[in-house]
Amino acid sequence: MILNELKSDTHRQYGQFSWGHLVKGAITNRTFRVVVTMRLCQAAAAEPGLLRLALIPLKFMHRLSTHLAAADFSWRNKVGAGIAITHGWGWL
């Protein structure tokens, strides 16, 4: 499920899906990074056992991403596939 949502989010942002677009966007695009870290946090929270421990560093990454994007966007938001945050900066 998380993979399909990330594919849709990437397609919405870049017009097509590729692993390159996903990785490049997560590294270089401050608003897309918020979406990616949100999806990763949700995936980790849904996992049982030891895989859920990944939620701790992912939550930190999401908090940092939202701070850098100046966006108030919780990882607990329920958002459908294909979201694009087009204007994360509040003062521009």
Protein backbone atom coordinates (compact mmCIF):
# COMPACT_ATOMS: atom_id res chain seq x y z
CA MET A 1 0.00 0.00 0.00
CA ILE A 2 2.74 2.47 0.92
CA LEU A 3 4.53 1.76 -2.35
CA ASN A 4 1.42 2.47 -4.42
CA GLU A 5 0.86 5.74 -2.56
CA LEU A 6 4.48 6.79 -3.03
CA LYS A 7 4.24 5.93 -6.73
CA SER A 8 1.12 8.09 -7.05
CA ASP A 9 2.71 10.93 -5.08
CA THR A 10 5.80 10.80 -7.31
CA HIS A 11 3.68 10.71 -10.47
CA ARG A 12 1.70 13.73 -9.26
CA GLN A 13 4.88 15.67 -8.49
CA TYR A 14 6.93 14.78 -11.59
CA GLY A 15 4.42 13.57 -14.19
CA GLN A 16 5.77 10.02 -14.11
CA PHE A 17 7.05 7.49 -11.62
CA SER A 18 10.63 6.34 -11.43
CA TRP A 19 12.81 5.34 -8.52
CA GLY A 20 15.17 8.12 -9.57
CA HIS A 21 12.44 10.75 -9.27
CA LEU A 22 11.40 9.37 -5.88
CA VAL A 23 14.92 9.39 -4.44
CA LYS A 24 15.94 12.69 -6.04
CA GLY A 25 12.72 14.35 -4.88
CA ALA A 26 13.10 13.05 -1.34
CA ILE A 27 16.61 14.51 -1.18
CA THR A 28 16.23 17.80 -3.05
CA ASN A 29 12.56 18.87 -2.92
CA ARG A 30 11.62 20.21 0.52
CA THR A 31 7.86 19.80 0.11
CA PHE A 32 8.04 16.37 -1.52
CA ARG A 33 10.35 15.22 1.30
CA VAL A 34 7.51 15.94 3.76
CA VAL A 35 5.20 13.62 1.83
CA VAL A 36 7.81 10.86 1.60
CA THR A 37 8.68 10.98 5.31
CA MET A 38 4.97 11.00 6.17
CA ARG A 39 4.41 7.84 4.11
CA LEU A 40 7.46 6.13 5.64
CA CYS A 41 6.31 6.96 9.19
CA GLN A 42 2.87 5.56 8.44
CA ALA A 43 4.38 2.38 7.01
CA ALA A 44 6.61 1.90 10.07
CA ALA A 45 3.71 2.54 12.46
CA ALA A 46 1.65 -0.16 10.72
CA GLU A 47 4.40 -2.77 11.06
CA PRO A 48 4.41 -5.22 13.96
CA GLY A 49 7.41 -6.13 16.08
CA LEU A 50 10.93 -4.85 15.59
CA LEU A 51 10.23 -3.09 12.30
CA ARG A 52 8.12 -0.62 14.24
CA LEU A 53 11.32 0.63 15.91
CA ALA A 54 12.14 2.37 12.64
CA LEU A 55 9.36 4.81 13.52
CA ILE A 56 11.61 6.62 16.00
CA PRO A 57 14.22 7.89 13.51
CA LEU A 58 11.56 8.35 10.82
CA LYS A 59 9.53 10.63 13.09
CA PHE A 60 12.67 12.70 13.68
CA MET A 61 13.27 12.89 9.91
CA HIS A 62 9.66 13.94 9.34
CA ARG A 63 9.87 16.63 12.01
CA LEU A 64 13.07 17.96 10.44
CA SER A 65 11.50 17.85 6.97
CA THR A 66 8.41 19.75 8.04
CA HIS A 67 10.57 22.33 9.81
CA LEU A 68 12.74 22.87 6.73
CA ALA A 69 9.63 23.14 4.53
CA ALA A 70 7.90 25.47 7.04
CA ALA A 71 4.89 23.17 6.89
CA ASP A 72 2.69 22.04 9.75
CA PHE A 73 1.96 18.53 8.50
CA SER A 74 1.64 15.63 10.92
CA TRP A 75 2.77 12.15 9.90
CA ARG A 76 -0.57 10.91 11.26
CA ASN A 77 -2.55 12.74 8.54
CA LYS A 78 -4.73 10.45 6.47
CA VAL A 79 -4.09 11.56 2.92
CA GLY A 80 -4.99 9.79 -0.28
CA ALA A 81 -2.48 8.82 -2.92
CA GLY A 82 -1.22 11.50 -5.27
CA ILE A 83 -0.79 14.42 -2.88
CA ALA A 84 1.46 17.29 -3.85
CA ILE A 85 2.31 20.13 -1.50
CA THR A 86 2.93 22.95 -3.92
CA HIS A 87 3.47 25.84 -1.52
CA GLY A 88 4.96 24.81 1.79
CA TRP A 89 6.53 28.12 2.68
CA GLY A 90 4.17 30.36 4.61
CA TRP A 91 5.98 33.64 3.99
CA LEU A 92 6.60 33.54 0.24
